[in-house]
N, C-alpha and C. Protein backbone atom coordinates (compact mmCIF):
# COMPACT_ATOMS: atom_id res chain seq x y z
N MET A 1 0.88 -1.15 -0.04
CA MET A 1 0.04 0.15 0.09
C MET A 1 0.90 1.33 -0.03
N ASN A 2 0.69 2.34 -0.88
CA ASN A 2 1.45 3.50 -0.79
C ASN A 2 1.08 4.36 0.20
N ALA A 3 1.83 5.29 0.69
CA ALA A 3 1.50 6.16 1.86
C ALA A 3 0.38 6.96 1.56
N SER A 4 0.07 7.42 0.25
CA SER A 4 -1.28 8.01 0.19
C SER A 4 -2.67 7.32 0.58
N GLY A 5 -2.38 6.07 0.02
CA GLY A 5 -3.66 5.36 0.34
C GLY A 5 -3.77 5.05 1.71
N SER A 6 -2.55 4.61 2.54
CA SER A 6 -2.40 4.45 3.77
C SER A 6 -3.03 5.46 4.65
N ASN A 7 -2.83 6.60 4.23
CA ASN A 7 -3.14 7.79 5.01
C ASN A 7 -4.51 8.18 4.98
N ILE A 8 -5.16 7.74 3.60
CA ILE A 8 -6.55 8.17 3.64
C ILE A 8 -7.27 7.08 4.41
N ARG A 9 -6.93 5.73 4.32
CA ARG A 9 -7.46 4.81 5.09
C ARG A 9 -7.41 5.04 6.58
N SER A 10 -6.41 5.71 7.04
CA SER A 10 -6.34 6.02 8.36
C SER A 10 -7.25 7.13 9.01
N LEU A 11 -7.25 8.12 7.91
CA LEU A 11 -8.29 9.28 8.34
C LEU A 11 -9.48 8.66 8.41
N LEU A 12 -10.12 8.17 7.37
CA LEU A 12 -11.50 7.45 7.41
C LEU A 12 -11.83 6.50 8.49
N PHE A 13 -10.83 5.67 8.73
CA PHE A 13 -11.06 4.97 9.75
C PHE A 13 -11.10 5.78 11.10
N THR A 14 -10.42 6.60 11.37
CA THR A 14 -10.44 7.47 12.60
C THR A 14 -11.79 8.33 12.59
N ALA A 15 -12.26 8.87 11.43
CA ALA A 15 -13.45 9.48 11.39
C ALA A 15 -14.61 8.52 11.91
N LEU A 16 -14.66 7.31 11.35
CA LEU A 16 -15.68 6.41 11.48
C LEU A 16 -15.89 5.98 13.28
N ILE A 17 -14.65 5.65 13.82
CA ILE A 17 -14.36 5.49 15.04
C ILE A 17 -14.87 6.60 15.99
N ALA A 18 -14.54 7.98 15.60
CA ALA A 18 -15.16 9.19 16.40
C ALA A 18 -16.44 9.12 16.11
N VAL A 19 -17.10 8.72 15.00
CA VAL A 19 -18.57 8.79 14.94
C VAL A 19 -19.21 7.77 16.17
N CYS A 20 -18.69 6.71 16.18
CA CYS A 20 -19.05 5.58 16.90
C CYS A 20 -19.00 6.02 18.50
N ALA A 21 -17.94 6.84 18.79
CA ALA A 21 -17.65 7.07 20.06
C ALA A 21 -18.60 8.26 20.68
N CYS A 22 -19.01 8.89 19.74
CA CYS A 22 -19.62 10.16 20.03
C CYS A 22 -21.18 9.63 20.42
N ARG A 23 -21.70 8.48 19.80
CA ARG A 23 -23.10 8.09 20.02
C ARG A 23 -23.23 7.10 21.16
N PRO A 24 -24.45 6.87 21.66
CA PRO A 24 -24.74 6.21 22.68
C PRO A 24 -24.45 4.67 22.37
N ILE A 25 -24.25 3.79 23.41
CA ILE A 25 -23.92 2.46 23.03
C ILE A 25 -25.57 1.67 22.87
N LEU A 26 -25.91 0.94 21.93
CA LEU A 26 -27.14 0.72 21.47
C LEU A 26 -27.09 -0.80 21.34
N ALA A 27 -28.38 -1.26 21.37
CA ALA A 27 -28.70 -2.69 21.16
C ALA A 27 -28.22 -2.96 19.83
N ALA A 28 -27.81 -4.11 19.32
CA ALA A 28 -27.40 -4.33 17.87
C ALA A 28 -28.43 -4.14 16.77
N ASP A 29 -29.65 -4.23 17.33
CA ASP A 29 -30.68 -3.83 16.33
C ASP A 29 -31.47 -2.36 16.28
N SER A 30 -30.72 -1.71 17.13
CA SER A 30 -31.26 -0.29 17.55
C SER A 30 -31.06 0.62 16.39
N ASP A 31 -31.68 1.61 16.01
CA ASP A 31 -31.37 2.64 14.84
C ASP A 31 -31.53 3.93 15.50
N TRP A 32 -31.58 3.84 16.82
CA TRP A 32 -31.70 5.20 17.64
C TRP A 32 -30.30 5.94 17.82
N PRO A 33 -29.87 6.93 17.25
CA PRO A 33 -28.66 7.44 17.55
C PRO A 33 -28.55 8.70 18.54
N CYS A 34 -29.51 8.94 19.28
CA CYS A 34 -29.51 10.16 19.97
C CYS A 34 -28.99 9.56 21.61
N PRO A 35 -28.70 10.67 22.17
CA PRO A 35 -28.23 10.15 23.74
C PRO A 35 -29.41 10.27 24.62
N GLN A 36 -30.53 10.78 24.35
CA GLN A 36 -31.51 10.75 25.39
C GLN A 36 -32.05 9.08 25.17
N VAL A 37 -32.61 8.68 26.14
CA VAL A 37 -33.17 7.31 26.15
C VAL A 37 -34.56 7.45 25.19
N LEU A 38 -34.81 6.45 24.28
CA LEU A 38 -35.80 6.46 23.53
C LEU A 38 -37.38 6.06 23.95
N VAL A 39 -38.01 6.90 24.25
CA VAL A 39 -39.36 6.63 24.72
C VAL A 39 -40.37 7.02 23.51
N PRO A 40 -41.06 5.90 22.99
CA PRO A 40 -41.78 5.82 21.77
C PRO A 40 -43.01 6.79 21.96
N GLU A 41 -43.56 6.97 23.15
CA GLU A 41 -44.87 7.73 23.27
C GLU A 41 -44.96 8.38 24.76
N ILE A 42 -45.03 9.34 24.75
CA ILE A 42 -45.34 10.34 26.09
C ILE A 42 -46.64 9.76 26.76
N SER A 43 -46.58 9.20 27.95
CA SER A 43 -47.65 8.82 28.83
C SER A 43 -48.44 10.19 29.21
N ALA A 44 -49.68 10.06 29.40
CA ALA A 44 -50.51 11.05 29.99
C ALA A 44 -50.00 11.13 31.47
N ALA A 45 -49.75 10.10 32.09
CA ALA A 45 -49.53 10.21 33.57
C ALA A 45 -48.29 10.73 34.07
N VAL A 46 -47.27 11.04 32.86
CA VAL A 46 -46.28 11.83 33.14
C VAL A 46 -46.48 13.41 33.29
N LEU A 47 -47.58 13.80 32.69
CA LEU A 47 -47.76 15.14 32.57
C LEU A 47 -49.13 15.60 33.46
N TRP A 48 -50.19 14.75 33.46
CA TRP A 48 -51.33 14.90 33.87
C TRP A 48 -51.79 14.42 35.21
N ASP A 49 -52.50 15.01 36.13
CA ASP A 49 -52.79 14.55 37.41
C ASP A 49 -54.39 14.67 37.44
N GLY A 50 -54.94 15.20 36.36
CA GLY A 50 -56.57 15.55 36.25
C GLY A 50 -57.43 14.17 35.97
N PRO A 51 -58.66 14.49 35.43
CA PRO A 51 -59.38 13.04 35.21
C PRO A 51 -58.67 12.33 34.14
N SER A 52 -59.13 11.13 34.04
CA SER A 52 -58.77 10.39 33.06
C SER A 52 -59.11 10.70 31.62
N ILE A 53 -58.23 10.58 30.86
CA ILE A 53 -58.45 10.69 29.36
C ILE A 53 -58.88 9.63 28.49
N GLU A 54 -59.05 8.64 29.13
CA GLU A 54 -59.10 7.43 28.19
C GLU A 54 -60.57 7.40 27.65
N GLY A 55 -60.63 7.28 26.56
CA GLY A 55 -61.60 7.38 25.64
C GLY A 55 -62.34 8.59 25.50
N ALA A 56 -61.28 9.72 25.62
CA ALA A 56 -61.90 11.06 25.54
C ALA A 56 -62.17 11.34 24.14
N ALA A 57 -63.14 11.70 23.85
CA ALA A 57 -63.94 11.83 22.17
C ALA A 57 -63.71 13.40 22.01
N TRP A 58 -62.43 13.95 22.11
CA TRP A 58 -62.22 15.59 21.84
C TRP A 58 -62.56 15.81 20.48
N ARG A 59 -62.58 14.94 19.24
CA ARG A 59 -62.66 15.44 17.97
C ARG A 59 -64.17 15.79 17.82
N GLU A 60 -65.06 15.00 18.75
CA GLU A 60 -66.53 15.55 18.68
C GLU A 60 -66.90 16.78 18.99
N ASP A 61 -66.15 17.54 20.00
CA ASP A 61 -66.20 18.66 20.41
C ASP A 61 -65.64 19.84 19.37
N LYS A 62 -66.14 20.37 18.49
CA LYS A 62 -65.66 21.18 17.28
C LYS A 62 -64.62 22.58 18.03
N GLU A 63 -65.21 23.10 19.20
CA GLU A 63 -64.29 24.02 19.79
C GLU A 63 -63.20 23.38 20.30
N VAL A 64 -63.33 22.58 20.71
CA VAL A 64 -62.08 21.71 21.51
C VAL A 64 -61.00 21.40 20.36
N ALA A 65 -61.67 20.77 19.12
CA ALA A 65 -60.89 20.26 18.19
C ALA A 65 -60.40 21.63 17.61
N ALA A 66 -60.68 22.51 17.46
CA ALA A 66 -60.20 23.91 16.92
C ALA A 66 -59.11 24.31 17.90
N LEU A 67 -59.09 24.10 19.11
CA LEU A 67 -58.13 24.67 20.04
C LEU A 67 -56.88 23.74 20.10
N VAL A 68 -57.19 22.62 19.90
CA VAL A 68 -56.17 21.71 20.03
C VAL A 68 -55.41 21.65 18.77
N GLU A 69 -56.08 21.94 17.50
CA GLU A 69 -54.83 22.35 16.29
C GLU A 69 -54.35 23.46 16.53
N HIS A 70 -54.84 24.68 17.10
CA HIS A 70 -54.09 25.84 17.21
C HIS A 70 -52.83 25.73 18.19
N LEU A 71 -53.15 24.95 19.49
CA LEU A 71 -52.21 24.60 20.36
C LEU A 71 -50.96 23.80 19.85
N SER A 72 -51.38 22.82 18.89
CA SER A 72 -50.33 21.80 18.51
C SER A 72 -49.48 22.46 17.45
N ALA A 73 -49.94 23.65 16.82
CA ALA A 73 -49.08 23.84 15.61
C ALA A 73 -47.92 24.52 16.13
N ARG A 74 -46.90 24.25 15.32
CA ARG A 74 -45.41 24.50 15.82
C ARG A 74 -45.31 26.24 15.79
N ARG A 75 -46.12 26.85 14.80
CA ARG A 75 -46.02 28.18 14.67
C ARG A 75 -46.59 29.02 15.95
N THR A 76 -47.45 28.26 16.78
CA THR A 76 -48.04 28.94 17.98
C THR A 76 -47.14 29.02 19.25
N SER A 77 -46.80 30.19 19.63
CA SER A 77 -45.79 30.51 20.81
C SER A 77 -46.40 30.05 21.90
N ALA A 78 -45.43 29.64 23.10
CA ALA A 78 -46.01 29.36 24.28
C ALA A 78 -46.87 30.39 24.85
N ASP A 79 -46.69 31.68 24.67
CA ASP A 79 -47.38 32.86 25.13
C ASP A 79 -48.89 32.69 24.42
N ALA A 80 -48.77 32.54 23.03
CA ALA A 80 -50.09 32.74 22.27
C ALA A 80 -50.77 31.31 22.63
N ALA A 81 -50.22 30.21 23.05
CA ALA A 81 -51.11 28.93 23.65
C ALA A 81 -51.53 29.16 24.64
N SER A 82 -50.97 29.92 25.56
CA SER A 82 -51.47 30.14 26.98
C SER A 82 -52.63 31.29 26.88
N ASN A 83 -52.46 32.12 26.03
CA ASN A 83 -53.55 33.15 26.01
C ASN A 83 -54.71 32.37 25.34
N ALA A 84 -54.72 31.40 24.38
CA ALA A 84 -55.76 30.89 23.66
C ALA A 84 -56.49 29.95 24.77
N ILE A 85 -55.54 29.19 25.56
CA ILE A 85 -56.39 28.45 26.70
C ILE A 85 -57.27 29.28 27.49
N ALA A 86 -56.57 30.49 28.04
CA ALA A 86 -57.36 31.34 28.96
C ALA A 86 -58.79 31.72 28.37
N GLU A 87 -58.63 32.11 26.90
CA GLU A 87 -59.78 32.58 26.10
C GLU A 87 -60.84 31.81 26.04
N PHE A 88 -60.28 30.50 25.83
CA PHE A 88 -61.38 29.22 25.84
C PHE A 88 -61.95 29.27 27.24
N VAL A 89 -61.26 29.21 28.25
CA VAL A 89 -61.81 29.07 29.75
C VAL A 89 -62.47 30.19 30.04
N ALA A 90 -62.39 31.28 29.45
CA ALA A 90 -63.39 32.46 29.95
C ALA A 90 -64.64 32.07 29.29
N GLN A 91 -65.01 31.38 28.24
CA GLN A 91 -66.41 31.48 27.91
C GLN A 91 -66.92 30.10 28.36
N LEU A 92 -66.47 29.21 29.01
CA LEU A 92 -66.64 27.94 29.52
C LEU A 92 -67.98 28.28 30.94
N ASP A 93 -68.77 27.51 30.89
CA ASP A 93 -69.48 27.36 32.24
C ASP A 93 -68.62 26.71 33.09
N PRO A 94 -68.41 27.22 34.40
CA PRO A 94 -67.68 26.62 35.40
C PRO A 94 -67.94 25.20 35.51
N SER A 95 -69.14 24.66 35.51
CA SER A 95 -69.59 22.98 35.61
C SER A 95 -69.10 22.15 34.48
N GLU A 96 -68.46 22.72 33.20
CA GLU A 96 -68.15 21.90 32.29
C GLU A 96 -66.56 22.22 32.11
N ARG A 97 -65.99 22.99 32.93
CA ARG A 97 -64.74 23.62 32.73
C ARG A 97 -63.69 22.30 32.79
N ASN A 98 -63.72 21.40 33.93
CA ASN A 98 -62.83 20.33 33.82
C ASN A 98 -62.84 19.37 32.90
N ALA A 99 -63.95 18.88 32.63
CA ALA A 99 -64.55 17.91 31.47
C ALA A 99 -63.96 18.47 30.00
N ARG A 100 -64.14 19.74 29.59
CA ARG A 100 -63.73 20.31 28.38
C ARG A 100 -62.15 20.52 28.33
N LEU A 101 -61.51 20.76 29.42
CA LEU A 101 -60.08 21.11 29.49
C LEU A 101 -59.43 19.83 29.50
N THR A 102 -60.08 18.90 30.03
CA THR A 102 -59.49 17.52 29.81
C THR A 102 -59.38 17.03 28.42
N LEU A 103 -60.53 17.10 27.81
CA LEU A 103 -60.67 17.04 26.18
C LEU A 103 -59.38 17.64 25.67
N VAL A 104 -59.24 19.15 25.79
CA VAL A 104 -58.14 19.54 25.12
C VAL A 104 -56.75 18.93 25.55
N PHE A 105 -56.48 18.48 26.81
CA PHE A 105 -55.27 18.10 27.00
C PHE A 105 -55.18 16.70 26.09
N ALA A 106 -56.26 15.83 26.15
CA ALA A 106 -56.50 14.69 25.37
C ALA A 106 -55.92 14.86 24.21
N GLY A 107 -56.74 15.93 23.46
CA GLY A 107 -56.31 16.03 22.01
C GLY A 107 -55.03 16.50 21.65
N VAL A 108 -54.30 17.35 22.51
CA VAL A 108 -52.97 17.74 22.44
C VAL A 108 -51.97 16.78 22.51
N LEU A 109 -52.27 16.01 23.63
CA LEU A 109 -51.14 14.73 23.93
C LEU A 109 -51.27 13.90 22.47
N GLU A 110 -52.54 13.45 22.19
CA GLU A 110 -52.59 12.46 21.00
C GLU A 110 -51.79 13.08 19.85
N THR A 111 -52.14 14.50 19.45
CA THR A 111 -51.62 14.98 18.31
C THR A 111 -50.09 15.35 18.37
N LEU A 112 -49.45 15.90 19.71
CA LEU A 112 -48.21 16.06 19.58
C LEU A 112 -47.56 14.59 19.71
N ASN A 113 -48.23 13.64 20.39
CA ASN A 113 -47.43 12.17 20.30
C ASN A 113 -47.38 11.66 18.97
N ARG A 114 -48.27 12.19 18.15
CA ARG A 114 -48.21 11.55 16.55
C ARG A 114 -47.25 12.31 15.93
N ASP A 115 -46.85 13.69 16.36
CA ASP A 115 -46.11 14.63 15.38
C ASP A 115 -44.61 14.04 15.79
N ARG A 116 -44.65 13.87 17.34
CA ARG A 116 -43.26 13.32 17.90
C ARG A 116 -42.99 11.85 17.20
N ALA A 117 -43.63 10.88 17.07
CA ALA A 117 -43.50 9.72 16.35
C ALA A 117 -42.93 9.88 15.09
N HIS A 118 -43.47 10.65 14.32
CA HIS A 118 -43.02 11.04 13.04
C HIS A 118 -41.51 11.40 13.03
N LEU A 119 -41.39 12.36 13.92
CA LEU A 119 -40.02 12.63 14.15
C LEU A 119 -38.98 11.55 14.35
N ILE A 120 -39.46 10.70 15.49
CA ILE A 120 -38.64 9.76 15.69
C ILE A 120 -38.23 8.74 14.61
N ASP A 121 -39.51 8.50 13.72
CA ASP A 121 -39.30 7.60 12.74
C ASP A 121 -38.34 8.09 11.61
N GLY A 122 -38.36 9.45 11.42
CA GLY A 122 -37.47 10.06 10.45
C GLY A 122 -36.02 10.06 10.94
N ILE A 123 -35.83 10.19 12.37
CA ILE A 123 -34.15 10.13 12.89
C ILE A 123 -33.89 8.54 12.55
N GLU A 124 -34.75 7.66 12.94
CA GLU A 124 -34.22 6.26 12.61
C GLU A 124 -34.04 6.02 11.38
N ARG A 125 -34.67 6.43 10.29
CA ARG A 125 -34.25 6.32 8.94
C ARG A 125 -33.04 6.96 8.73
N TYR A 126 -32.99 8.33 9.12
CA TYR A 126 -31.61 8.98 9.00
C TYR A 126 -30.52 7.90 9.25
N SER A 127 -30.57 7.42 10.43
CA SER A 127 -29.56 6.66 11.53
C SER A 127 -29.06 5.40 10.25
N ARG A 128 -30.30 4.68 9.88
CA ARG A 128 -30.06 3.63 9.07
C ARG A 128 -29.33 3.90 7.76
N ASP A 129 -29.58 5.11 7.34
CA ASP A 129 -29.12 5.49 6.10
C ASP A 129 -27.58 5.64 6.33
N GLN A 130 -27.26 6.57 7.42
CA GLN A 130 -25.81 6.67 7.90
C GLN A 130 -25.05 5.31 8.11
N SER A 131 -25.69 4.40 8.52
CA SER A 131 -25.10 3.01 8.81
C SER A 131 -24.82 2.62 7.46
N ARG A 132 -25.71 2.55 6.61
CA ARG A 132 -25.41 1.94 5.17
C ARG A 132 -24.30 2.74 4.36
N ARG A 133 -24.23 4.15 4.67
CA ARG A 133 -23.22 4.93 4.07
C ARG A 133 -21.75 4.46 4.80
N ALA A 134 -21.83 4.28 6.25
CA ALA A 134 -20.45 3.85 6.73
C ALA A 134 -20.08 2.46 6.06
N GLU A 135 -21.04 1.52 6.00
CA GLU A 135 -20.74 0.12 5.64
C GLU A 135 -20.15 0.31 4.03
N SER A 136 -20.84 1.32 3.34
CA SER A 136 -20.23 1.29 1.91
C SER A 136 -18.83 1.92 1.80
N ILE A 137 -18.54 2.82 2.90
CA ILE A 137 -17.37 3.55 2.83
C ILE A 137 -16.21 2.24 3.33
N GLY A 138 -16.58 1.31 4.36
CA GLY A 138 -15.75 0.24 4.83
C GLY A 138 -15.52 -0.64 3.48
N HIS A 139 -16.56 -0.95 2.75
CA HIS A 139 -16.31 -1.79 1.66
C HIS A 139 -15.37 -1.10 0.51
N SER A 140 -15.41 0.28 0.34
CA SER A 140 -14.68 0.86 -0.52
C SER A 140 -13.07 0.80 0.01
N LEU A 141 -13.08 0.98 1.44
CA LEU A 141 -11.62 0.88 1.69
C LEU A 141 -10.94 -0.32 1.64
N ASP A 142 -11.78 -1.49 1.61
CA ASP A 142 -11.38 -2.62 1.53
C ASP A 142 -10.90 -2.85 0.05
N ALA A 143 -11.77 -2.36 -0.93
CA ALA A 143 -11.39 -2.46 -2.32
C ALA A 143 -10.05 -1.47 -2.63
N LEU A 144 -9.95 -0.55 -2.01
CA LEU A 144 -8.59 0.25 -2.02
C LEU A 144 -7.53 -0.49 -1.48
N VAL A 145 -7.70 -1.27 -0.55
CA VAL A 145 -6.23 -2.09 -0.31
C VAL A 145 -6.03 -2.91 -1.28
N GLU A 146 -6.94 -3.57 -1.79
CA GLU A 146 -6.66 -4.67 -2.78
C GLU A 146 -6.04 -4.16 -3.97
N LEU A 147 -6.80 -2.95 -4.50
CA LEU A 147 -6.16 -2.19 -5.74
C LEU A 147 -4.62 -1.87 -5.52
N GLU A 148 -4.17 -1.31 -4.30
CA GLU A 148 -2.95 -1.05 -3.77
C GLU A 148 -2.07 -1.96 -3.82
N ARG A 149 -2.47 -3.38 -3.73
CA ARG A 149 -1.51 -4.29 -3.71
C ARG A 149 -1.14 -4.79 -5.22
N LYS A 150 -1.69 -3.92 -6.28
CA LYS A 150 -1.44 -4.43 -7.36
C LYS A 150 -0.57 -3.46 -8.12
N SER A 151 0.24 -3.86 -9.18
CA SER A 151 1.18 -2.86 -9.47
C SER A 151 1.08 -2.43 -11.03
N SER A 152 -0.34 -2.74 -11.54
CA SER A 152 -0.43 -2.46 -12.98
C SER A 152 -0.98 -0.92 -12.91
N PRO A 153 -0.80 -0.31 -14.00
CA PRO A 153 -1.17 1.09 -14.42
C PRO A 153 -2.91 1.06 -14.04
N GLU A 154 -3.36 0.13 -14.51
CA GLU A 154 -4.96 0.19 -14.66
C GLU A 154 -5.25 0.41 -13.01
N ALA A 155 -4.58 -0.66 -12.35
CA ALA A 155 -4.81 -0.60 -10.78
C ALA A 155 -4.55 0.75 -10.32
N ALA A 156 -3.45 1.45 -10.60
CA ALA A 156 -3.08 2.58 -9.77
C ALA A 156 -4.30 3.70 -10.19
N GLN A 157 -4.73 3.66 -11.53
CA GLN A 157 -5.71 4.59 -11.81
C GLN A 157 -6.96 4.42 -11.11
N GLN A 158 -7.57 3.12 -11.01
CA GLN A 158 -8.64 2.83 -10.27
C GLN A 158 -8.55 3.34 -8.78
N ALA A 159 -7.25 2.93 -8.20
CA ALA A 159 -7.12 3.49 -6.84
C ALA A 159 -7.17 5.05 -6.59
N ARG A 160 -6.79 5.85 -7.61
CA ARG A 160 -6.75 7.06 -7.54
C ARG A 160 -8.24 7.39 -7.71
N ASP A 161 -8.98 6.98 -8.50
CA ASP A 161 -10.37 7.28 -8.68
C ASP A 161 -11.14 6.93 -7.49
N LEU A 162 -10.84 5.77 -6.75
CA LEU A 162 -11.89 5.33 -5.69
C LEU A 162 -11.26 6.26 -4.48
N ARG A 163 -9.77 6.56 -4.20
CA ARG A 163 -9.75 7.69 -3.20
C ARG A 163 -10.61 8.77 -3.35
N ALA A 164 -10.60 9.33 -4.63
CA ALA A 164 -11.34 10.61 -5.05
C ALA A 164 -12.78 10.35 -4.46
N ARG A 165 -13.43 9.23 -4.77
CA ARG A 165 -14.93 9.03 -4.30
C ARG A 165 -14.83 8.82 -2.85
N LEU A 166 -13.78 8.34 -2.36
CA LEU A 166 -13.90 8.14 -0.74
C LEU A 166 -14.04 9.33 -0.04
N ALA A 167 -12.94 10.42 -0.49
CA ALA A 167 -12.81 11.63 0.26
C ALA A 167 -14.23 12.25 -0.07
N ILE A 168 -14.87 12.18 -0.94
CA ILE A 168 -16.38 12.70 -1.36
C ILE A 168 -17.56 12.17 -0.17
N GLU A 169 -17.40 10.81 -0.17
CA GLU A 169 -18.36 10.01 0.57
C GLU A 169 -17.99 10.22 2.06
N GLU A 170 -16.93 10.61 2.42
CA GLU A 170 -16.37 10.70 3.99
C GLU A 170 -16.94 12.24 4.30
N ARG A 171 -16.67 13.03 3.28
CA ARG A 171 -17.05 14.45 3.73
C ARG A 171 -18.71 14.50 3.88
N LEU A 172 -19.25 13.90 2.93
CA LEU A 172 -20.85 13.72 2.86
C LEU A 172 -21.51 13.10 4.31
N PHE A 173 -20.45 11.91 4.58
CA PHE A 173 -21.01 11.17 5.81
C PHE A 173 -21.00 12.12 7.04
N ASP A 174 -19.55 12.80 6.98
CA ASP A 174 -19.52 13.89 8.27
C ASP A 174 -20.36 15.05 8.44
N GLU A 175 -20.83 15.60 7.10
CA GLU A 175 -21.74 16.59 7.06
C GLU A 175 -23.00 16.09 7.91
N ARG A 176 -23.40 14.91 7.21
CA ARG A 176 -24.90 14.26 7.71
C ARG A 176 -24.63 14.19 9.16
N GLU A 177 -23.89 13.65 9.76
CA GLU A 177 -23.37 13.02 11.14
C GLU A 177 -23.61 14.34 12.07
N ARG A 178 -23.02 15.63 11.52
CA ARG A 178 -23.00 16.84 12.29
C ARG A 178 -24.56 17.28 12.43
N SER A 179 -25.65 16.72 11.61
CA SER A 179 -26.84 17.29 11.82
C SER A 179 -27.59 16.36 12.81
N ILE A 180 -26.94 15.32 13.26
CA ILE A 180 -27.81 14.39 14.12
C ILE A 180 -28.06 15.01 15.46
N PRO A 181 -27.22 15.98 15.96
CA PRO A 181 -27.64 16.30 17.30
C PRO A 181 -29.05 17.46 16.98
N TYR A 182 -28.93 18.12 16.12
CA TYR A 182 -30.08 19.02 15.69
C TYR A 182 -31.43 17.95 15.71
N LEU A 183 -31.35 16.96 14.94
CA LEU A 183 -32.48 16.14 14.65
C LEU A 183 -33.05 15.48 15.78
N CYS A 184 -31.90 15.15 16.79
CA CYS A 184 -32.33 14.47 18.19
C CYS A 184 -32.87 15.57 19.05
N ARG A 185 -32.63 16.83 18.85
CA ARG A 185 -33.38 17.75 19.63
C ARG A 185 -34.79 17.95 19.22
N ARG A 186 -35.28 17.71 18.19
CA ARG A 186 -36.54 18.02 17.64
C ARG A 186 -37.55 17.42 18.54
N PRO A 187 -37.48 15.86 18.98
CA PRO A 187 -38.54 15.42 19.73
C PRO A 187 -38.69 15.88 21.25
N VAL A 188 -37.43 16.47 21.44
CA VAL A 188 -37.39 16.93 22.90
C VAL A 188 -38.13 18.31 23.05
N VAL A 189 -38.07 19.08 21.94
CA VAL A 189 -38.66 20.41 21.55
C VAL A 189 -40.33 19.98 21.79
N VAL A 190 -40.65 19.02 21.15
CA VAL A 190 -42.24 18.50 21.15
C VAL A 190 -42.45 18.40 22.64
N GLU A 191 -41.53 17.17 23.22
CA GLU A 191 -41.87 17.06 24.60
C GLU A 191 -42.11 18.30 25.67
N GLU A 192 -41.16 19.17 25.34
CA GLU A 192 -41.05 20.50 26.25
C GLU A 192 -42.44 21.31 25.97
N ARG A 193 -42.59 21.37 24.58
CA ARG A 193 -43.89 22.01 24.51
C ARG A 193 -45.03 21.27 24.98
N LEU A 194 -45.29 20.02 24.93
CA LEU A 194 -46.29 19.35 25.45
C LEU A 194 -46.42 19.70 26.92
N GLY A 195 -45.26 19.68 27.58
CA GLY A 195 -45.26 19.96 29.03
C GLY A 195 -45.64 21.42 29.33
N THR A 196 -45.35 22.37 28.65
CA THR A 196 -45.83 23.76 28.67
C THR A 196 -47.21 23.87 28.60
N ILE A 197 -47.93 23.02 27.53
CA ILE A 197 -49.28 23.28 27.25
C ILE A 197 -50.20 22.61 28.43
N ALA A 198 -49.40 21.34 28.73
CA ALA A 198 -50.25 20.70 29.92
C ALA A 198 -50.36 21.56 31.33
N ARG A 199 -49.31 22.23 31.48
CA ARG A 199 -49.19 22.97 32.59
C ARG A 199 -49.87 24.06 32.65
N ALA A 200 -50.12 24.85 31.41
CA ALA A 200 -51.18 25.95 31.22
C ALA A 200 -52.54 25.63 31.31
N ILE A 201 -52.98 24.16 31.03
CA ILE A 201 -54.42 23.88 31.11
C ILE A 201 -54.45 23.69 32.58
N ALA A 202 -53.61 22.77 33.17
CA ALA A 202 -53.87 22.34 34.52
C ALA A 202 -53.89 23.76 35.42
N GLY A 203 -53.45 24.69 35.06
CA GLY A 203 -53.48 25.85 35.87
C GLY A 203 -54.94 26.52 35.77
N HIS A 204 -55.81 26.12 34.94
CA HIS A 204 -57.12 26.36 34.84
C HIS A 204 -58.24 25.44 35.37
N MET A 205 -57.86 24.34 35.93
CA MET A 205 -58.68 23.36 36.39
C MET A 205 -59.02 23.54 37.80
N ASP A 206 -60.37 23.36 37.96
CA ASP A 206 -60.88 23.50 39.40
C ASP A 206 -60.28 22.24 40.16
N PRO A 207 -59.74 22.63 41.43
CA PRO A 207 -59.33 21.25 42.21
C PRO A 207 -60.50 20.29 42.61
C-alpha cells in the first residue's frame, strides 16, 4: 500500500471511530442515534394528574378540536398557547370547565405524540442511512487496499479514482453526522411544548 492510500484509510477509519464514540451504546438492532433514552410515546401520567383521558372523544367537540389544532401547531408560541387557553376557559360554564379542558389535554397529547412519532421515525431512517453509508465506505476501503496491492497502471488509476470518491463520501458522511444532534433535539422540543401546554391547561382546572 502506498503512503497516500494508507493515510486516507487511516483518516477515514479515525472518522468512523469518532462517530461511534460520540453515539450512545445501543442494542445491535437499534437505529436510535440520540443520547436521550428512546421513549416511543409520552404517557398522560407523566404530565397530567387530572381526570382520566381514556376514551376522550375530543374530536367530537368542534371548539375543542379547533383549539387543539391551534395549540399543537409549531407556529403557535407558548404565550399564544397560554392566551388561547385562557380565552377558551373564559367562555366556559364552570360546571363544564374540567371536562372540556380534559378533552383539550387529551387532544394535544394525542396530536403531539403523533408528531413526535413521525420525528422519531425520521431520525431512525436517517440513522439507518448513515449506517449504510458507513458500511459502503468500509467496503470501498477494502477495495482500495486490494487495488494498492497491484502494480498495474490500470489498478493505480482505479485506486486514484476510488480515493477521490472516498474523500467525497467521507465528507458527506461527516456533514450528515453533524446534523444528528439537531435532529435529536426535535422530539425534545415537542416534549417541552407538550409539558408547557399541559401546565397551562392544569392551571385553569378546578381542584
